Amino acid sequence: MHEIRVDQGENRLYITLTGSIRADESRTISAAAQQALAGLKARFACIVDLTRFKMKPGDAEWLLDLQDLLTTAGVSEIIHVGDRQHQELLEKGGRRSSYSGRLVHDLESAIRAVEQRE
């Protein structure tokens, strides 16, 4: 399951991933994120909540594609909420693209991190 929410006032995109994501759902998530980007200005922030996401080996590729989409759209910062298992994904993303997100352990920390950059 997933949820994508736009906060135009704060110029933020929130993505929440829950459980296991099937290949067809990953395409739906990417399309929904693309659509949501229309409501944001350049240098938007993105918070991706992975705390209830059950990552499988094949997930890294589409998650990195999603990060590339956000980078191309002008994201200024991507904050991932998760644990150590997600750290490897961030490191791989940093090697693959020009952007590497930050990892925090709860949503409140993610919001504080974004507000501090503003």
Foldseek 3Di string as FASTA:
>chain_A
DKDWDADLVQQEIEIEAAEEADPVVLVVVLVVVLVNLVSGDAQGEYEYECARYDDDPVPLVSVLVSVVVCVVSHHNAYEYAYDPVCVVSQVVSVVVDVDGHHYDHDPVVVVVVSVVVD
